PDB file of N, CA and C in Angstrom:
ATOM      1  N   MET A   1     -59.253 -22.529 -43.609  1.00  0.00           N
ATOM      2  CA  MET A   1     -58.193 -23.104 -42.874  1.00  0.00           C
ATOM      3  C   MET A   1     -57.974 -24.306 -42.713  1.00  0.00           C
ATOM      4  N   PHE A   2     -56.950 -25.174 -42.502  1.00  0.00           N
ATOM      5  CA  PHE A   2     -57.029 -26.485 -41.665  1.00  0.00           C
ATOM      6  C   PHE A   2     -55.658 -26.617 -41.415  1.00  0.00           C
ATOM      7  N   GLY A   3     -55.911 -27.626 -40.685  1.00  0.00           N
ATOM      8  CA  GLY A   3     -54.446 -28.325 -40.195  1.00  0.00           C
ATOM      9  C   GLY A   3     -54.381 -29.530 -40.442  1.00  0.00           C
ATOM     10  N   PHE A   4     -52.753 -30.090 -40.539  1.00  0.00           N
ATOM     11  CA  PHE A   4     -52.511 -31.725 -41.311  1.00  0.00           C
ATOM     12  C   PHE A   4     -50.972 -31.393 -40.920  1.00  0.00           C
ATOM     13  N   PRO A   5     -50.228 -32.433 -40.707  1.00  0.00           N
ATOM     14  CA  PRO A   5     -51.256 -34.123 -40.905  1.00  0.00           C
ATOM     15  C   PRO A   5     -51.711 -34.657 -39.351  1.00  0.00           C
ATOM     16  N   VAL A   6     -53.103 -35.110 -39.806  1.00  0.00           N
ATOM     17  CA  VAL A   6     -52.932 -35.808 -39.054  1.00  0.00           C
ATOM     18  C   VAL A   6     -53.224 -37.551 -38.937  1.00  0.00           C
ATOM     19  N   PRO A   7     -52.989 -38.135 -38.119  1.00  0.00           N
ATOM     20  CA  PRO A   7     -51.788 -37.923 -36.989  1.00  0.00           C
ATOM     21  C   PRO A   7     -50.913 -37.164 -37.242  1.00  0.00           C
ATOM     22  N   ALA A   8     -50.287 -36.582 -35.923  1.00  0.00           N
ATOM     23  CA  ALA A   8     -49.264 -35.366 -36.032  1.00  0.00           C
ATOM     24  C   ALA A   8     -48.137 -36.197 -35.435  1.00  0.00           C
ATOM     25  N   LYS A   9     -46.836 -36.153 -36.318  1.00  0.00           N
ATOM     26  CA  LYS A   9     -45.626 -36.587 -35.422  1.00  0.00           C
ATOM     27  C   LYS A   9     -44.681 -35.308 -34.805  1.00  0.00           C
ATOM     28  N   ASN A  10     -44.262 -34.847 -35.785  1.00  0.00           N
ATOM     29  CA  ASN A  10     -42.748 -33.480 -35.041  1.00  0.00           C
ATOM     30  C   ASN A  10     -43.550 -32.263 -35.017  1.00  0.00           C
ATOM     31  N   GLU A  11     -44.181 -32.133 -36.541  1.00  0.00           N
ATOM     32  CA  GLU A  11     -45.240 -30.529 -36.546  1.00  0.00           C
ATOM     33  C   GLU A  11     -46.374 -31.369 -36.887  1.00  0.00           C
ATOM     34  N   ILE A  12     -46.954 -29.766 -36.729  1.00  0.00           N
ATOM     35  CA  ILE A  12     -48.406 -29.524 -37.546  1.00  0.00           C
ATOM     36  C   ILE A  12     -48.604 -28.408 -37.861  1.00  0.00           C
ATOM     37  N   ALA A  13     -48.842 -28.079 -39.291  1.00  0.00           N
ATOM     38  CA  ALA A  13     -48.882 -27.194 -40.201  1.00  0.00           C
ATOM     39  C   ALA A  13     -50.687 -26.300 -40.121  1.00  0.00           C
ATOM     40  N   VAL A  14     -50.554 -25.090 -40.263  1.00  0.00           N
ATOM     41  CA  VAL A  14     -51.799 -24.847 -40.629  1.00  0.00           C
ATOM     42  C   VAL A  14     -51.861 -23.724 -41.842  1.00  0.00           C
ATOM     43  N   SER A  15     -52.921 -24.310 -42.795  1.00  0.00           N
ATOM     44  CA  SER A  15     -52.520 -23.598 -44.093  1.00  0.00           C
ATOM     45  C   SER A  15     -53.689 -22.251 -43.684  1.00  0.00           C
ATOM     46  N   THR A  16     -53.320 -21.255 -44.417  1.00  0.00           N
ATOM     47  CA  THR A  16     -54.384 -20.344 -44.764  1.00  0.00           C
ATOM     48  C   THR A  16     -54.498 -19.412 -45.606  1.00  0.00           C
ATOM     49  N   VAL A  17     -55.443 -18.754 -45.831  1.00  0.00           N
ATOM     50  CA  VAL A  17     -55.079 -17.577 -46.943  1.00  0.00           C
ATOM     51  C   VAL A  17     -55.649 -16.454 -46.650  1.00  0.00           C
ATOM     52  N   ALA A  18     -54.897 -15.251 -46.187  1.00  0.00           N
ATOM     53  CA  ALA A  18     -55.127 -13.737 -45.511  1.00  0.00           C
ATOM     54  C   ALA A  18     -55.276 -12.997 -46.644  1.00  0.00           C
ATOM     55  N   GLU A  19     -56.000 -11.826 -46.384  1.00  0.00           N
ATOM     56  CA  GLU A  19     -56.629 -10.923 -46.788  1.00  0.00           C
ATOM     57  C   GLU A  19     -55.402  -9.998 -47.318  1.00  0.00           C
ATOM     58  N   GLU A  20     -54.742  -9.741 -46.125  1.00  0.00           N
ATOM     59  CA  GLU A  20     -53.780  -8.596 -45.812  1.00  0.00           C
ATOM     60  C   GLU A  20     -53.048  -9.268 -44.899  1.00  0.00           C
ATOM     61  N   GLU A  21     -51.557  -8.334 -44.569  1.00  0.00           N
ATOM     62  CA  GLU A  21     -50.626  -8.804 -43.805  1.00  0.00           C
ATOM     63  C   GLU A  21     -51.062  -8.833 -42.144  1.00  0.00           C
ATOM     64  N   SER A  22     -50.883  -9.365 -41.419  1.00  0.00           N
ATOM     65  CA  SER A  22     -51.509  -9.418 -40.008  1.00  0.00           C
ATOM     66  C   SER A  22     -50.673 -10.579 -39.017  1.00  0.00           C
ATOM     67  N   VAL A  23     -51.272 -10.679 -38.060  1.00  0.00           N
ATOM     68  CA  VAL A  23     -50.533 -11.467 -36.900  1.00  0.00           C
ATOM     69  C   VAL A  23     -51.935 -12.692 -36.787  1.00  0.00           C
ATOM     70  N   ILE A  24     -51.148 -13.819 -36.679  1.00  0.00           N
ATOM     71  CA  ILE A  24     -52.382 -14.877 -36.413  1.00  0.00           C
ATOM     72  C   ILE A  24     -51.710 -15.548 -35.199  1.00  0.00           C
ATOM     73  N   THR A  25     -52.529 -15.688 -34.426  1.00  0.00           N
ATOM     74  CA  THR A  25     -51.732 -16.700 -32.948  1.00  0.00           C
ATOM     75  C   THR A  25     -52.269 -17.684 -33.000  1.00  0.00           C
ATOM     76  N   VAL A  26     -51.066 -19.041 -33.003  1.00  0.00           N
ATOM     77  CA  VAL A  26     -51.829 -20.852 -32.969  1.00  0.00           C
ATOM     78  C   VAL A  26     -51.716 -20.782 -31.610  1.00  0.00           C
ATOM     79  N   ARG A  27     -52.520 -21.884 -31.358  1.00  0.00           N
ATOM     80  CA  ARG A  27     -52.466 -22.292 -29.557  1.00  0.00           C
ATOM     81  C   ARG A  27     -52.226 -23.855 -29.623  1.00  0.00           C
ATOM     82  N   ILE A  28     -51.768 -24.866 -29.080  1.00  0.00           N
ATOM     83  CA  ILE A  28     -52.100 -25.633 -28.836  1.00  0.00           C
ATOM     84  C   ILE A  28     -52.356 -26.355 -27.661  1.00  0.00           C
ATOM     85  N   LEU A  29     -53.935 -26.570 -27.224  1.00  0.00           N
ATOM     86  CA  LEU A  29     -54.281 -27.122 -26.398  1.00  0.00           C
ATOM     87  C   LEU A  29     -54.418 -28.633 -25.768  1.00  0.00           C
ATOM     88  N   ASP A  30     -53.795 -28.694 -23.967  1.00  0.00           N
ATOM     89  CA  ASP A  30     -54.394 -30.442 -24.196  1.00  0.00           C
ATOM     90  C   ASP A  30     -55.885 -30.795 -23.828  1.00  0.00           C
ATOM     91  N   VAL A  31     -56.083 -31.642 -23.717  1.00  0.00           N
ATOM     92  CA  VAL A  31     -57.785 -32.301 -23.351  1.00  0.00           C
ATOM     93  C   VAL A  31     -58.325 -31.340 -22.259  1.00  0.00           C
ATOM     94  N   ARG A  32     -57.604 -30.785 -21.418  1.00  0.00           N
ATOM     95  CA  ARG A  32     -57.827 -30.118 -20.197  1.00  0.00           C
ATOM     96  C   ARG A  32     -58.014 -28.471 -20.493  1.00  0.00           C
ATOM     97  N   GLY A  33     -57.886 -28.163 -21.945  1.00  0.00           N
ATOM     98  CA  GLY A  33     -57.726 -26.994 -21.873  1.00  0.00           C
ATOM     99  C   GLY A  33     -56.805 -26.185 -21.527  1.00  0.00           C
ATOM    100  N   ILE A  34     -55.400 -26.590 -21.463  1.00  0.00           N
ATOM    101  CA  ILE A  34     -54.503 -25.821 -20.923  1.00  0.00           C
ATOM    102  C   ILE A  34     -53.641 -25.354 -21.960  1.00  0.00           C
ATOM    103  N   THR A  35     -53.230 -24.488 -22.408  1.00  0.00           N
ATOM    104  CA  THR A  35     -52.550 -24.332 -23.641  1.00  0.00           C
ATOM    105  C   THR A  35     -51.090 -24.383 -22.908  1.00  0.00           C
ATOM    106  N   ILE A  36     -50.056 -25.118 -24.318  1.00  0.00           N
ATOM    107  CA  ILE A  36     -49.063 -25.880 -24.285  1.00  0.00           C
ATOM    108  C   ILE A  36     -48.113 -25.383 -24.993  1.00  0.00           C
ATOM    109  N   ILE A  37     -48.783 -24.525 -26.001  1.00  0.00           N
ATOM    110  CA  ILE A  37     -47.815 -23.796 -26.993  1.00  0.00           C
ATOM    111  C   ILE A  37     -48.793 -22.818 -27.436  1.00  0.00           C
ATOM    112  N   ASP A  38     -48.167 -21.491 -27.719  1.00  0.00           N
ATOM    113  CA  ASP A  38     -48.928 -20.426 -27.935  1.00  0.00           C
ATOM    114  C   ASP A  38     -47.757 -19.551 -28.682  1.00  0.00           C
ATOM    115  N   ARG A  39     -48.067 -19.605 -30.261  1.00  0.00           N
ATOM    116  CA  ARG A  39     -46.914 -18.797 -31.206  1.00  0.00           C
ATOM    117  C   ARG A  39     -47.842 -17.836 -31.993  1.00  0.00           C
ATOM    118  N   ASP A  40     -47.114 -16.685 -31.989  1.00  0.00           N
ATOM    119  CA  ASP A  40     -47.786 -15.939 -33.114  1.00  0.00           C
ATOM    120  C   ASP A  40     -46.953 -15.984 -34.721  1.00  0.00           C
ATOM    121  N   PHE A  41     -47.657 -15.759 -35.310  1.00  0.00           N
ATOM    122  CA  PHE A  41     -47.223 -16.184 -36.977  1.00  0.00           C
ATOM    123  C   PHE A  41     -47.544 -14.415 -37.459  1.00  0.00           C
ATOM    124  N   CYS A  42     -46.120 -14.098 -38.046  1.00  0.00           N
ATOM    125  CA  CYS A  42     -46.807 -12.670 -39.087  1.00  0.00           C
ATOM    126  C   CYS A  42     -47.295 -13.311 -40.775  1.00  0.00           C
ATOM    127  N   THR A  43     -48.200 -13.263 -40.987  1.00  0.00           N
ATOM    128  CA  THR A  43     -48.593 -13.498 -42.155  1.00  0.00           C
ATOM    129  C   THR A  43     -48.936 -12.422 -43.395  1.00  0.00           C
ATOM    130  N   ALA A  44     -48.689 -13.319 -44.691  1.00  0.00           N
ATOM    131  CA  ALA A  44     -48.756 -12.023 -45.762  1.00  0.00           C
ATOM    132  C   ALA A  44     -50.072 -12.189 -46.434  1.00  0.00           C
ATOM    133  N   ALA A  45     -50.263 -11.368 -47.380  1.00  0.00           N
ATOM    134  CA  ALA A  45     -51.481 -11.551 -47.752  1.00  0.00           C
ATOM    135  C   ALA A  45     -51.225 -12.677 -48.904  1.00  0.00           C
ATOM    136  N   GLY A  46     -52.190 -13.408 -49.194  1.00  0.00           N
ATOM    137  CA  GLY A  46     -52.142 -14.998 -50.200  1.00  0.00           C
ATOM    138  C   GLY A  46     -51.885 -15.850 -49.243  1.00  0.00           C
ATOM    139  N   ASP A  47     -51.343 -17.049 -49.554  1.00  0.00           N
ATOM    140  CA  ASP A  47     -51.207 -18.161 -48.927  1.00  0.00           C
ATOM    141  C   ASP A  47     -49.990 -18.130 -47.946  1.00  0.00           C
ATOM    142  N   ASN A  48     -50.417 -18.797 -46.677  1.00  0.00           N
ATOM    143  CA  ASN A  48     -49.313 -18.816 -45.551  1.00  0.00           C
ATOM    144  C   ASN A  48     -48.945 -20.254 -45.092  1.00  0.00           C
ATOM    145  N   LEU A  49     -48.579 -20.974 -45.158  1.00  0.00           N
ATOM    146  CA  LEU A  49     -48.116 -22.309 -43.950  1.00  0.00           C
ATOM    147  C   LEU A  49     -47.625 -21.761 -42.788  1.00  0.00           C
ATOM    148  N   LEU A  50     -48.202 -22.282 -41.618  1.00  0.00           N
ATOM    149  CA  LEU A  50     -47.792 -21.875 -40.489  1.00  0.00           C
ATOM    150  C   LEU A  50     -47.632 -23.128 -39.686  1.00  0.00           C
ATOM    151  N   ARG A  51     -46.176 -23.361 -39.463  1.00  0.00           N
ATOM    152  CA  ARG A  51     -45.917 -24.532 -38.654  1.00  0.00           C
ATOM    153  C   ARG A  51     -45.289 -24.442 -37.716  1.00  0.00           C
ATOM    154  N   VAL A  52     -45.898 -25.479 -36.616  1.00  0.00           N
ATOM    155  CA  VAL A  52     -45.767 -26.017 -35.445  1.00  0.00           C
ATOM    156  C   VAL A  52     -44.922 -26.910 -34.894  1.00  0.00           C
ATOM    157  N   ASN A  53     -43.786 -26.976 -34.313  1.00  0.00           N
ATOM    158  CA  ASN A  53     -43.042 -28.098 -33.713  1.00  0.00           C
ATOM    159  C   ASN A  53     -43.602 -28.790 -32.335  1.00  0.00           C
ATOM    160  N   LEU A  54     -43.783 -30.001 -32.593  1.00  0.00           N
ATOM    161  CA  LEU A  54     -43.932 -30.983 -31.446  1.00  0.00           C
ATOM    162  C   LEU A  54     -43.470 -31.756 -30.958  1.00  0.00           C
ATOM    163  N   LYS A  55     -42.018 -31.895 -31.134  1.00  0.00           N
ATOM    164  CA  LYS A  55     -41.022 -32.533 -31.329  1.00  0.00           C
ATOM    165  C   LYS A  55     -41.183 -32.895 -29.265  1.00  0.00           C
ATOM    166  N   ASN A  56     -41.376 -31.859 -28.540  1.00  0.00           N
ATOM    167  CA  ASN A  56     -41.367 -31.959 -27.000  1.00  0.00           C
ATOM    168  C   ASN A  56     -42.575 -32.431 -26.595  1.00  0.00           C
ATOM    169  N   VAL A  57     -43.937 -32.497 -27.646  1.00  0.00           N
ATOM    170  CA  VAL A  57     -45.343 -32.746 -26.921  1.00  0.00           C
ATOM    171  C   VAL A  57     -45.659 -34.314 -27.055  1.00  0.00           C
ATOM    172  N   PRO A  58     -45.778 -34.650 -25.638  1.00  0.00           N
ATOM    173  CA  PRO A  58     -45.728 -36.232 -25.780  1.00  0.00           C
ATOM    174  C   PRO A  58     -47.238 -36.704 -26.438  1.00  0.00           C
ATOM    175  N   SER A  59     -47.382 -38.045 -27.128  1.00  0.00           N
ATOM    176  CA  SER A  59     -48.832 -38.449 -27.438  1.00  0.00           C
ATOM    177  C   SER A  59     -49.805 -38.149 -26.883  1.00  0.00           C
ATOM    178  N   GLY A  60     -50.789 -37.792 -27.562  1.00  0.00           N
ATOM    179  CA  GLY A  60     -52.377 -37.552 -27.414  1.00  0.00           C
ATOM    180  C   GLY A  60     -52.891 -36.946 -28.341  1.00  0.00           C
ATOM    181  N   THR A  61     -54.320 -36.914 -27.259  1.00  0.00           N
ATOM    182  CA  THR A  61     -55.190 -35.877 -28.313  1.00  0.00           C
ATOM    183  C   THR A  61     -54.881 -34.338 -27.824  1.00  0.00           C
ATOM    184  N   TYR A  62     -54.933 -33.149 -28.550  1.00  0.00           N
ATOM    185  CA  TYR A  62     -55.095 -31.868 -28.580  1.00  0.00           C
ATOM    186  C   TYR A  62     -56.195 -31.481 -29.759  1.00  0.00           C
ATOM    187  N   VAL A  63     -55.880 -29.761 -29.094  1.00  0.00           N
ATOM    188  CA  VAL A  63     -56.683 -28.842 -29.864  1.00  0.00           C
ATOM    189  C   VAL A  63     -55.683 -27.728 -30.342  1.00  0.00           C
ATOM    190  N   ILE A  64     -55.938 -27.908 -31.678  1.00  0.00           N
ATOM    191  CA  ILE A  64     -55.234 -26.671 -32.661  1.00  0.00           C
ATOM    192  C   ILE A  64     -56.035 -25.551 -32.649  1.00  0.00           C
ATOM    193  N   GLN A  65     -55.755 -24.249 -32.449  1.00  0.00           N
ATOM    194  CA  GLN A  65     -56.889 -23.231 -32.780  1.00  0.00           C
ATOM    195  C   GLN A  65     -55.705 -21.921 -33.301  1.00  0.00           C
ATOM    196  N   ALA A  66     -56.379 -21.025 -34.148  1.00  0.00           N
ATOM    197  CA  ALA A  66     -55.926 -20.070 -34.825  1.00  0.00           C
ATOM    198  C   ALA A  66     -56.623 -18.899 -34.630  1.00  0.00           C
ATOM    199  N   GLY A  67     -55.797 -17.731 -34.411  1.00  0.00           N
ATOM    200  CA  GLY A  67     -56.834 -16.703 -34.163  1.00  0.00           C
ATOM    201  C   GLY A  67     -56.352 -15.261 -34.799  1.00  0.00           C
ATOM    202  N   ARG A  68     -56.731 -14.236 -34.732  1.00  0.00           N
ATOM    203  CA  ARG A  68     -56.188 -12.774 -34.711  1.00  0.00           C
ATOM    204  C   ARG A  68     -57.831 -12.313 -33.845  1.00  0.00           C
ATOM    205  N   GLY A  69     -56.520 -11.713 -32.441  1.00  0.00           N
ATOM    206  CA  GLY A  69     -56.983 -10.908 -31.609  1.00  0.00           C
ATOM    207  C   GLY A  69     -57.657 -11.747 -30.674  1.00  0.00           C
ATOM    208  N   THR A  70     -59.355 -11.567 -30.882  1.00  0.00           N
ATOM    209  CA  THR A  70     -59.862 -12.107 -29.842  1.00  0.00           C
ATOM    210  C   THR A  70     -60.771 -13.248 -30.438  1.00  0.00           C
ATOM    211  N   GLU A  71     -60.531 -13.065 -31.641  1.00  0.00           N
ATOM    212  CA  GLU A  71     -61.404 -14.023 -32.616  1.00  0.00           C
ATOM    213  C   GLU A  71     -61.177 -14.986 -33.312  1.00  0.00           C
ATOM    214  N   THR A  72     -61.515 -16.163 -33.001  1.00  0.00           N
ATOM    215  CA  THR A  72     -61.185 -17.612 -33.333  1.00  0.00           C
ATOM    216  C   THR A  72     -61.109 -17.623 -34.656  1.00  0.00           C
ATOM    217  N   LEU A  73     -60.385 -18.157 -35.362  1.00  0.00           N
ATOM    218  CA  LEU A  73     -60.415 -18.490 -36.974  1.00  0.00           C
ATOM    219  C   LEU A  73     -60.595 -19.882 -37.250  1.00  0.00           C
ATOM    220  N   PHE A  74     -60.205 -21.086 -36.927  1.00  0.00           N
ATOM    221  CA  PHE A  74     -59.954 -21.903 -36.935  1.00  0.00           C
ATOM    222  C   PHE A  74     -59.767 -22.454 -35.489  1.00  0.00           C
ATOM    223  N   SER A  75     -60.818 -23.854 -35.537  1.00  0.00           N
ATOM    224  CA  SER A  75     -60.196 -24.727 -34.079  1.00  0.00           C
ATOM    225  C   SER A  75     -60.888 -26.098 -34.664  1.00  0.00           C
ATOM    226  N   THR A  76     -59.828 -27.085 -34.280  1.00  0.00           N
ATOM    227  CA  THR A  76     -60.036 -28.301 -34.592  1.00  0.00           C
ATOM    228  C   THR A  76     -59.466 -29.769 -33.632  1.00  0.00           C
ATOM    229  N   ARG A  77     -59.661 -30.601 -33.147  1.00  0.00           N
ATOM    230  CA  ARG A  77     -58.762 -31.586 -32.232  1.00  0.00           C
ATOM    231  C   ARG A  77     -58.086 -32.500 -33.404  1.00  0.00           C
ATOM    232  N   PHE A  78     -56.436 -33.210 -32.921  1.00  0.00           N
ATOM    233  CA  PHE A  78     -55.869 -33.928 -33.918  1.00  0.00           C
ATOM    234  C   PHE A  78     -55.226 -34.737 -32.972  1.00  0.00           C
ATOM    235  N   ILE A  79     -54.557 -35.487 -33.398  1.00  0.00           N
ATOM    236  CA  ILE A  79     -54.011 -36.772 -32.750  1.00  0.00           C
ATOM    237  C   ILE A  79     -52.140 -36.442 -32.792  1.00  0.00           C
ATOM    238  N   LYS A  80     -51.454 -36.554 -31.383  1.00  0.00           N
ATOM    239  CA  LYS A  80     -49.990 -36.516 -31.726  1.00  0.00           C
ATOM    240  C   LYS A  80     -49.482 -38.132 -31.361  1.00  0.00           C
ATOM    241  N   ASP A  81     -49.066 -38.665 -32.104  1.00  0.00           N
ATOM    242  CA  ASP A  81     -48.231 -39.990 -32.641  1.00  0.00           C
ATOM    243  C   ASP A  81     -47.388 -39.510 -31.718  1.00  0.00           C
TER     244      ASP A  81
END
């Protein structure tokens, strides 16, 4: 999994390859660890692109996390212009 573009403007995307259909939760957290976006995506087996709208998110540094259930699959910081 990886997130792009960095820095982000109006959206950030997570690219992932799923072994089977599942639900992936993508969260955007601010620097204090407060969740500002929490969105579930239904993924198909194979390549998936999960897009999160950032238009109403102020500029700054954030963390994007992607997970399944209680398991975190991906977590990284990014800058929102």
